[in-house]
Amino acid sequence: MGYGFYDITLYHLSENSDGKDFAVRNNLISDLYIDFLDGYKPKGTTRISVDIGSEDHIKGYFGSILCAEVAFNEKEYWLSSSVERNKIVLDTIHRVAILSAEKYGWDKVVFDRAYRKVVDCDFIYKKELKKKLSKDKKHQAGLLLEKNGESTMISVNFYNFKGEFLKSVLLLKSFQSAWFYKNISTHKWFNNLEFGIYTKNDELIIKASLANDSSETVITPVIKTRERLEGYLREITYQEFADESDYIKWANQ
């Protein structure tokens, strides 16, 4: 099975700049832009890696990764407002995508449509997956994904059978990349009151209930050990790192 097209990342601002601010905007806007491609995959391409430089130049492929360079006015970026910075990042991502499309014959209409949708949603990533009806057909529920550039919040939205909103319950705050939580993004009703996400064999379940305002995590080892399941839950649960040593400690737990 081939991999989808999942990322356009801009790299390397000057050492004097706030790299975190730029990375957060890039993460969020790239995710929005890719999501609004509606599954479109440029042939042979899984991501575009873009070095910030002095000119626009599509270099070529390293495996399935397309490498490029893009001109970027860093001084203008840092003197701009937050809203203007979002637009600058989006314009840069889109410019690279269109240059790539022109060089390799991709469908530019798809990228232009994604650009307009990012602007129209005001750079806010909020996506609700298809609702599912409870077994007794009295309620509906669906997953809501919200991203802010640093983390992803996965919640359950509950509705009555008419589709009228009842409440939302946070299940998991994970990392920005879906790579972390992709193995637990499968969702279902467990009974007529509880809905949530789970891993294979229901070994790890994070669920919300119509009867409670907080989520519940249930670990039931079947094939994997409890220690391994607890470790996986720790890996996908978002946390901030003060420095690289904090990250190394977390990664080696």
C-alpha atoms as a PDB file:
ATOM      1  CA  MET A   1       0.000   0.000   0.000  1.00  0.00           C
ATOM      2  CA  GLY A   2       1.376   3.421  -0.950  1.00  0.00           C
ATOM      3  CA  TYR A   3       1.647   6.336   1.414  1.00  0.00           C
ATOM      4  CA  GLY A   4      -0.393   9.474   0.960  1.00  0.00           C
ATOM      5  CA  PHE A   5       0.830  13.023   0.500  1.00  0.00           C
ATOM      6  CA  TYR A   6       1.076  14.292   4.057  1.00  0.00           C
ATOM      7  CA  ASP A   7       3.335  17.306   4.510  1.00  0.00           C
ATOM      8  CA  ILE A   8       4.906  20.484   3.133  1.00  0.00           C
ATOM      9  CA  THR A   9       7.514  21.738   5.595  1.00  0.00           C
ATOM     10  CA  LEU A  10       9.548  24.953   5.487  1.00  0.00           C
ATOM     11  CA  TYR A  11      12.970  24.707   7.160  1.00  0.00           C
ATOM     12  CA  HIS A  12      15.679  26.979   8.541  1.00  0.00           C
ATOM     13  CA  LEU A  13      15.121  30.538   9.596  1.00  0.00           C
ATOM     14  CA  SER A  14      18.021  32.521  11.036  1.00  0.00           C
ATOM     15  CA  GLU A  15      19.402  31.660  14.475  1.00  0.00           C
ATOM     16  CA  ASN A  16      18.087  34.975  15.797  1.00  0.00           C
ATOM     17  CA  SER A  17      14.452  34.178  15.005  1.00  0.00           C
ATOM     18  CA  ASP A  18      11.759  32.508  17.080  1.00  0.00           C
ATOM     19  CA  GLY A  19      11.833  29.073  15.493  1.00  0.00           C
ATOM     20  CA  LYS A  20       8.949  27.783  17.594  1.00  0.00           C
ATOM     21  CA  ASP A  21       6.556  30.504  16.415  1.00  0.00           C
ATOM     22  CA  PHE A  22       7.379  29.736  12.808  1.00  0.00           C
ATOM     23  CA  ALA A  23       7.223  25.945  13.262  1.00  0.00           C
ATOM     24  CA  VAL A  24       3.806  26.109  14.946  1.00  0.00           C
ATOM     25  CA  ARG A  25       2.363  28.177  12.087  1.00  0.00           C
ATOM     26  CA  ASN A  26       3.978  25.932   9.477  1.00  0.00           C
ATOM     27  CA  ASN A  27       2.630  22.760  11.143  1.00  0.00           C
ATOM     28  CA  LEU A  28      -0.909  24.071  11.422  1.00  0.00           C
ATOM     29  CA  ILE A  29      -1.145  25.643   7.971  1.00  0.00           C
ATOM     30  CA  SER A  30       0.516  22.690   6.238  1.00  0.00           C
ATOM     31  CA  ASP A  31      -1.955  20.307   7.896  1.00  0.00           C
ATOM     32  CA  LEU A  32      -4.883  22.485   6.838  1.00  0.00           C
ATOM     33  CA  TYR A  33      -3.618  22.801   3.280  1.00  0.00           C
ATOM     34  CA  ILE A  34      -2.948  19.066   2.908  1.00  0.00           C
ATOM     35  CA  ASP A  35      -6.294  18.174   4.463  1.00  0.00           C
ATOM     36  CA  PHE A  36      -8.123  20.424   2.003  1.00  0.00           C
ATOM     37  CA  LEU A  37      -6.506  18.565  -0.904  1.00  0.00           C
ATOM     38  CA  ASP A  38      -9.201  15.975  -0.121  1.00  0.00           C
ATOM     39  CA  GLY A  39      -6.921  12.975  -0.574  1.00  0.00           C
ATOM     40  CA  TYR A  40      -5.189  14.164  -3.750  1.00  0.00           C
ATOM     41  CA  LYS A  41      -1.715  12.633  -4.040  1.00  0.00           C
ATOM     42  CA  PRO A  42       0.873  13.929  -6.519  1.00  0.00           C
ATOM     43  CA  LYS A  43       2.395  10.943  -8.298  1.00  0.00           C
ATOM     44  CA  GLY A  44       5.342   9.449  -6.429  1.00  0.00           C
ATOM     45  CA  THR A  45       5.308  12.129  -3.724  1.00  0.00           C
ATOM     46  CA  THR A  46       4.730  11.755   0.009  1.00  0.00           C
ATOM     47  CA  ARG A  47       5.979  15.169   1.144  1.00  0.00           C
ATOM     48  CA  ILE A  48       7.744  18.353   0.058  1.00  0.00           C
ATOM     49  CA  SER A  49      10.786  19.460   2.060  1.00  0.00           C
ATOM     50  CA  VAL A  50      11.494  23.155   1.527  1.00  0.00           C
ATOM     51  CA  ASP A  51      14.648  25.027   2.525  1.00  0.00           C
ATOM     52  CA  ILE A  52      14.217  28.760   3.040  1.00  0.00           C
ATOM     53  CA  GLY A  53      16.720  30.513   0.818  1.00  0.00           C
ATOM     54  CA  SER A  54      17.124  33.319  -1.689  1.00  0.00           C
ATOM     55  CA  GLU A  55      15.283  31.928  -4.704  1.00  0.00           C
ATOM     56  CA  ASP A  56      12.410  29.675  -5.761  1.00  0.00           C
ATOM     57  CA  HIS A  57      13.792  26.414  -7.058  1.00  0.00           C
ATOM     58  CA  ILE A  58      12.328  22.911  -7.273  1.00  0.00           C
ATOM     59  CA  LYS A  59      15.406  20.718  -6.879  1.00  0.00           C
ATOM     60  CA  GLY A  60      14.078  17.212  -7.425  1.00  0.00           C
ATOM     61  CA  TYR A  61      13.321  13.965  -5.628  1.00  0.00           C
ATOM     62  CA  PHE A  62      15.058  12.069  -2.871  1.00  0.00           C
ATOM     63  CA  GLY A  63      12.997   8.899  -2.906  1.00  0.00           C
ATOM     64  CA  SER A  64       9.382  10.049  -2.517  1.00  0.00           C
ATOM     65  CA  ILE A  65      10.412  13.360  -0.911  1.00  0.00           C
ATOM     66  CA  LEU A  66      10.435  16.345  -3.249  1.00  0.00           C
ATOM     67  CA  CYS A  67      13.139  18.853  -2.253  1.00  0.00           C
ATOM     68  CA  ALA A  68      12.831  22.549  -2.971  1.00  0.00           C
ATOM     69  CA  GLU A  69      14.161  25.976  -2.047  1.00  0.00           C
ATOM     70  CA  VAL A  70      12.015  29.063  -1.657  1.00  0.00           C
ATOM     71  CA  ALA A  71      12.664  32.778  -1.375  1.00  0.00           C
ATOM     72  CA  PHE A  72      11.439  34.199   1.925  1.00  0.00           C
ATOM     73  CA  ASN A  73      11.589  37.729   3.310  1.00  0.00           C
ATOM     74  CA  GLU A  74      12.311  36.996   6.957  1.00  0.00           C
ATOM     75  CA  LYS A  75      12.430  40.659   7.994  1.00  0.00           C
ATOM     76  CA  GLU A  76       8.961  41.278   6.560  1.00  0.00           C
ATOM     77  CA  TYR A  77       7.657  38.160   8.309  1.00  0.00           C
ATOM     78  CA  TRP A  78       8.797  39.211  11.788  1.00  0.00           C
ATOM     79  CA  LEU A  79       7.519  42.770  11.346  1.00  0.00           C
ATOM     80  CA  SER A  80       4.067  41.473  10.387  1.00  0.00           C
ATOM     81  CA  SER A  81       1.054  40.834  12.601  1.00  0.00           C
ATOM     82  CA  SER A  82       0.041  37.315  13.596  1.00  0.00           C
ATOM     83  CA  VAL A  83      -2.671  37.214  10.918  1.00  0.00           C
ATOM     84  CA  GLU A  84      -0.260  38.480   8.275  1.00  0.00           C
ATOM     85  CA  ARG A  85       2.324  35.839   9.263  1.00  0.00           C
ATOM     86  CA  ASN A  86      -0.235  33.109   8.707  1.00  0.00           C
ATOM     87  CA  LYS A  87      -0.902  34.479   5.229  1.00  0.00           C
ATOM     88  CA  ILE A  88       2.821  34.679   4.429  1.00  0.00           C
ATOM     89  CA  VAL A  89       3.353  31.051   5.418  1.00  0.00           C
ATOM     90  CA  LEU A  90       0.316  29.921   3.413  1.00  0.00           C
ATOM     91  CA  ASP A  91       1.401  31.917   0.364  1.00  0.00           C
ATOM     92  CA  THR A  92       4.871  30.364   0.578  1.00  0.00           C
ATOM     93  CA  ILE A  93       3.531  26.809   0.883  1.00  0.00           C
ATOM     94  CA  HIS A  94       1.132  27.397  -1.992  1.00  0.00           C
ATOM     95  CA  ARG A  95       3.810  28.940  -4.201  1.00  0.00           C
ATOM     96  CA  VAL A  96       6.008  25.865  -3.762  1.00  0.00           C
ATOM     97  CA  ALA A  97       3.063  23.557  -4.493  1.00  0.00           C
ATOM     98  CA  ILE A  98       2.144  25.418  -7.693  1.00  0.00           C
ATOM     99  CA  LEU A  99       5.762  25.493  -8.909  1.00  0.00           C
ATOM    100  CA  SER A 100       5.934  21.745  -8.294  1.00  0.00           C
ATOM    101  CA  ALA A 101       2.623  21.229 -10.070  1.00  0.00           C
ATOM    102  CA  GLU A 102       3.849  23.158 -13.101  1.00  0.00           C
ATOM    103  CA  LYS A 103       7.083  21.161 -13.239  1.00  0.00           C
ATOM    104  CA  TYR A 104       5.555  17.716 -12.783  1.00  0.00           C
ATOM    105  CA  GLY A 105       2.100  18.118 -14.313  1.00  0.00           C
ATOM    106  CA  TRP A 106       0.023  17.962 -11.141  1.00  0.00           C
ATOM    107  CA  ASP A 107      -3.542  19.257 -10.984  1.00  0.00           C
ATOM    108  CA  LYS A 108      -3.159  22.931 -10.024  1.00  0.00           C
ATOM    109  CA  VAL A 109      -6.905  23.329  -9.555  1.00  0.00           C
ATOM    110  CA  VAL A 110      -6.770  21.060  -6.497  1.00  0.00           C
ATOM    111  CA  PHE A 111      -4.069  23.205  -4.876  1.00  0.00           C
ATOM    112  CA  ASP A 112      -5.828  26.485  -5.683  1.00  0.00           C
ATOM    113  CA  ARG A 113      -9.004  25.115  -4.086  1.00  0.00           C
ATOM    114  CA  ALA A 114      -7.092  24.060  -0.957  1.00  0.00           C
ATOM    115  CA  TYR A 115      -5.579  27.539  -0.710  1.00  0.00           C
ATOM    116  CA  ARG A 116      -8.990  29.208  -0.797  1.00  0.00           C
ATOM    117  CA  LYS A 117     -10.374  26.815   1.821  1.00  0.00           C
ATOM    118  CA  VAL A 118      -7.531  27.580   4.248  1.00  0.00           C
ATOM    119  CA  VAL A 119      -8.243  31.300   3.911  1.00  0.00           C
ATOM    120  CA  ASP A 120     -11.990  30.765   4.250  1.00  0.00           C
ATOM    121  CA  CYS A 121     -11.616  28.787   7.514  1.00  0.00           C
ATOM    122  CA  ASP A 122      -9.486  31.615   8.942  1.00  0.00           C
ATOM    123  CA  PHE A 123      -6.542  29.256   9.643  1.00  0.00           C
ATOM    124  CA  ILE A 124      -8.503  27.281  12.233  1.00  0.00           C
ATOM    125  CA  TYR A 125      -8.222  23.488  12.024  1.00  0.00           C
ATOM    126  CA  LYS A 126     -11.420  21.895  13.246  1.00  0.00           C
ATOM    127  CA  LYS A 127     -12.631  18.731  11.563  1.00  0.00           C
ATOM    128  CA  GLU A 128     -15.525  16.540  12.648  1.00  0.00           C
ATOM    129  CA  LEU A 129     -15.569  13.001  11.311  1.00  0.00           C
ATOM    130  CA  LYS A 130     -18.741  11.294  10.158  1.00  0.00           C
ATOM    131  CA  LYS A 131     -21.276  10.764  12.945  1.00  0.00           C
ATOM    132  CA  LYS A 132     -22.296   7.265  13.980  1.00  0.00           C
ATOM    133  CA  LEU A 133     -25.697   6.232  15.321  1.00  0.00           C
ATOM    134  CA  SER A 134     -25.929   4.406  18.640  1.00  0.00           C
ATOM    135  CA  LYS A 135     -27.301   0.856  18.614  1.00  0.00           C
ATOM    136  CA  ASP A 136     -30.612   1.960  20.128  1.00  0.00           C
ATOM    137  CA  LYS A 137     -30.756   4.793  17.534  1.00  0.00           C
ATOM    138  CA  LYS A 138     -31.361   7.410  20.229  1.00  0.00           C
ATOM    139  CA  HIS A 139     -28.079   9.291  19.870  1.00  0.00           C
ATOM    140  CA  GLN A 140     -25.304  10.122  17.414  1.00  0.00           C
ATOM    141  CA  ALA A 141     -21.626  10.733  18.093  1.00  0.00           C
ATOM    142  CA  GLY A 142     -18.555  11.692  16.105  1.00  0.00           C
ATOM    143  CA  LEU A 143     -14.902  12.509  16.624  1.00  0.00           C
ATOM    144  CA  LEU A 144     -13.771  16.128  16.513  1.00  0.00           C
ATOM    145  CA  LEU A 145     -10.126  16.860  15.628  1.00  0.00           C
ATOM    146  CA  GLU A 146      -8.735  20.281  16.539  1.00  0.00           C
ATOM    147  CA  LYS A 147      -5.158  21.395  15.878  1.00  0.00           C
ATOM    148  CA  ASN A 148      -3.265  24.476  16.997  1.00  0.00           C
ATOM    149  CA  GLY A 149       0.135  23.809  15.429  1.00  0.00           C
ATOM    150  CA  GLU A 150       1.588  22.160  18.531  1.00  0.00           C
ATOM    151  CA  SER A 151      -0.956  19.549  19.512  1.00  0.00           C
ATOM    152  CA  THR A 152      -4.091  17.760  18.366  1.00  0.00           C
ATOM    153  CA  MET A 153      -7.171  17.497  20.546  1.00  0.00           C
ATOM    154  CA  ILE A 154      -9.425  14.505  19.912  1.00  0.00           C
ATOM    155  CA  SER A 155     -12.917  14.889  21.360  1.00  0.00           C
ATOM    156  CA  VAL A 156     -16.303  13.192  21.132  1.00  0.00           C
ATOM    157  CA  ASN A 157     -19.277  15.298  20.091  1.00  0.00           C
ATOM    158  CA  PHE A 158     -22.607  13.838  21.214  1.00  0.00           C
ATOM    159  CA  TYR A 159     -25.932  14.582  19.483  1.00  0.00           C
ATOM    160  CA  ASN A 160     -29.513  13.419  19.890  1.00  0.00           C
ATOM    161  CA  PHE A 161     -31.095  11.318  17.164  1.00  0.00           C
ATOM    162  CA  LYS A 162     -32.185  14.489  15.344  1.00  0.00           C
ATOM    163  CA  GLY A 163     -28.572  15.647  15.092  1.00  0.00           C
ATOM    164  CA  GLU A 164     -28.924  18.401  17.709  1.00  0.00           C
ATOM    165  CA  PHE A 165     -25.693  18.976  19.638  1.00  0.00           C
ATOM    166  CA  LEU A 166     -25.625  17.824  23.281  1.00  0.00           C
ATOM    167  CA  LYS A 167     -22.059  18.102  24.518  1.00  0.00           C
ATOM    168  CA  SER A 168     -18.371  17.588  23.749  1.00  0.00           C
ATOM    169  CA  VAL A 169     -15.880  15.537  25.811  1.00  0.00           C
ATOM    170  CA  LEU A 170     -12.093  15.641  25.315  1.00  0.00           C
ATOM    171  CA  LEU A 171     -10.592  12.168  24.878  1.00  0.00           C
ATOM    172  CA  LEU A 172      -6.937  12.821  24.151  1.00  0.00           C
ATOM    173  CA  LYS A 173      -4.506  15.670  23.675  1.00  0.00           C
ATOM    174  CA  SER A 174      -1.803  14.267  21.422  1.00  0.00           C
ATOM    175  CA  PHE A 175       1.017  15.606  19.307  1.00  0.00           C
ATOM    176  CA  GLN A 176       0.520  17.596  16.101  1.00  0.00           C
ATOM    177  CA  SER A 177       1.449  14.778  13.753  1.00  0.00           C
ATOM    178  CA  ALA A 178      -1.174  12.086  13.142  1.00  0.00           C
ATOM    179  CA  TRP A 179       1.721   9.605  13.225  1.00  0.00           C
ATOM    180  CA  PHE A 180       1.364   9.560  17.018  1.00  0.00           C
ATOM    181  CA  TYR A 181      -2.345   8.826  17.331  1.00  0.00           C
ATOM    182  CA  LYS A 182      -3.141   7.087  14.028  1.00  0.00           C
ATOM    183  CA  ASN A 183      -3.308   3.624  15.647  1.00  0.00           C
ATOM    184  CA  ILE A 184      -6.013   4.727  18.071  1.00  0.00           C
ATOM    185  CA  SER A 185      -8.128   6.908  15.805  1.00  0.00           C
ATOM    186  CA  THR A 186     -10.615   4.114  15.063  1.00  0.00           C
ATOM    187  CA  HIS A 187     -13.878   4.973  16.818  1.00  0.00           C
ATOM    188  CA  LYS A 188     -17.171   3.319  17.725  1.00  0.00           C
ATOM    189  CA  TRP A 189     -20.028   3.045  20.202  1.00  0.00           C
ATOM    190  CA  PHE A 190     -19.192   0.579  22.973  1.00  0.00           C
ATOM    191  CA  ASN A 191     -22.790   0.583  24.181  1.00  0.00           C
ATOM    192  CA  ASN A 192     -25.713   3.000  23.978  1.00  0.00           C
ATOM    193  CA  LEU A 193     -24.016   5.543  26.258  1.00  0.00           C
ATOM    194  CA  GLU A 194     -20.267   5.307  25.554  1.00  0.00           C
ATOM    195  CA  PHE A 195     -18.325   6.288  22.437  1.00  0.00           C
ATOM    196  CA  GLY A 196     -14.605   6.575  21.872  1.00  0.00           C
ATOM    197  CA  ILE A 197     -11.337   5.443  20.311  1.00  0.00           C
ATOM    198  CA  TYR A 198      -9.542   2.146  20.655  1.00  0.00           C
ATOM    199  CA  THR A 199      -6.644  -0.027  19.528  1.00  0.00           C
ATOM    200  CA  LYS A 200      -6.812  -3.521  18.051  1.00  0.00           C
ATOM    201  CA  ASN A 201      -8.559  -6.089  20.272  1.00  0.00           C
ATOM    202  CA  ASP A 202      -9.880  -3.203  22.436  1.00  0.00           C
ATOM    203  CA  GLU A 203      -6.683  -3.452  24.494  1.00  0.00           C
ATOM    204  CA  LEU A 204      -6.582   0.319  24.955  1.00  0.00           C
ATOM    205  CA  ILE A 205      -9.840   2.272  25.001  1.00  0.00           C
ATOM    206  CA  ILE A 206     -10.377   5.975  25.625  1.00  0.00           C
ATOM    207  CA  LYS A 207     -14.093   6.683  25.801  1.00  0.00           C
ATOM    208  CA  ALA A 208     -16.637   9.348  26.676  1.00  0.00           C
ATOM    209  CA  SER A 209     -20.098   8.817  28.116  1.00  0.00           C
ATOM    210  CA  LEU A 210     -23.373  10.637  27.827  1.00  0.00           C
ATOM    211  CA  ALA A 211     -23.595  10.226  31.601  1.00  0.00           C
ATOM    212  CA  ASN A 212     -20.232  11.884  32.474  1.00  0.00           C
ATOM    213  CA  ASP A 213     -18.314  15.035  31.583  1.00  0.00           C
ATOM    214  CA  SER A 214     -14.840  13.481  31.572  1.00  0.00           C
ATOM    215  CA  SER A 215     -13.296  10.656  29.567  1.00  0.00           C
ATOM    216  CA  GLU A 216     -12.236   7.239  30.839  1.00  0.00           C
ATOM    217  CA  THR A 217      -9.197   5.175  29.814  1.00  0.00           C
ATOM    218  CA  VAL A 218      -9.458   1.386  30.001  1.00  0.00           C
ATOM    219  CA  ILE A 219      -6.483  -0.943  29.497  1.00  0.00           C
ATOM    220  CA  THR A 220      -7.239  -4.636  28.974  1.00  0.00           C
ATOM    221  CA  PRO A 221      -4.154  -6.632  27.879  1.00  0.00           C
ATOM    222  CA  VAL A 222      -4.868  -9.368  25.338  1.00  0.00           C
ATOM    223  CA  ILE A 223      -1.726  -9.692  23.214  1.00  0.00           C
ATOM    224  CA  LYS A 224       0.375  -6.778  24.451  1.00  0.00           C
ATOM    225  CA  THR A 225       1.427  -6.407  28.086  1.00  0.00           C
ATOM    226  CA  ARG A 226      -0.046  -3.740  30.334  1.00  0.00           C
ATOM    227  CA  GLU A 227       3.387  -2.126  30.536  1.00  0.00           C
ATOM    228  CA  ARG A 228       3.579  -1.850  26.748  1.00  0.00           C
ATOM    229  CA  LEU A 229       0.061  -0.434  26.472  1.00  0.00           C
ATOM    230  CA  GLU A 230       0.763   2.111  29.213  1.00  0.00           C
ATOM    231  CA  GLY A 231       3.964   3.049  27.401  1.00  0.00           C
ATOM    232  CA  TYR A 232       2.070   3.581  24.149  1.00  0.00           C
ATOM    233  CA  LEU A 233      -0.479   5.783  25.913  1.00  0.00           C
ATOM    234  CA  ARG A 234       2.368   7.828  27.387  1.00  0.00           C
ATOM    235  CA  GLU A 235       3.969   8.179  23.937  1.00  0.00           C
ATOM    236  CA  ILE A 236       0.852   9.582  22.287  1.00  0.00           C
ATOM    237  CA  THR A 237      -0.166  11.923  25.118  1.00  0.00           C
ATOM    238  CA  TYR A 238       1.020  15.466  24.474  1.00  0.00           C
ATOM    239  CA  GLN A 239       3.509  17.151  26.745  1.00  0.00           C
ATOM    240  CA  GLU A 240       5.828  20.117  26.451  1.00  0.00           C
ATOM    241  CA  PHE A 241       9.609  19.789  26.605  1.00  0.00           C
ATOM    242  CA  ALA A 242      11.715  22.504  28.222  1.00  0.00           C
ATOM    243  CA  ASP A 243      14.795  21.460  26.270  1.00  0.00           C
ATOM    244  CA  GLU A 244      16.322  18.612  24.291  1.00  0.00           C
ATOM    245  CA  SER A 245      17.263  16.699  27.448  1.00  0.00           C
ATOM    246  CA  ASP A 246      13.584  16.612  28.475  1.00  0.00           C
ATOM    247  CA  TYR A 247      12.697  15.145  25.087  1.00  0.00           C
ATOM    248  CA  ILE A 248      15.447  12.505  25.351  1.00  0.00           C
ATOM    249  CA  LYS A 249      14.227  11.451  28.799  1.00  0.00           C
ATOM    250  CA  TRP A 250      10.659  11.148  27.498  1.00  0.00           C
ATOM    251  CA  ALA A 251      11.736   9.213  24.410  1.00  0.00           C
ATOM    252  CA  ASN A 252      13.734   6.731  26.498  1.00  0.00           C
ATOM    253  CA  GLN A 253      11.043   5.979  29.071  1.00  0.00           C
END
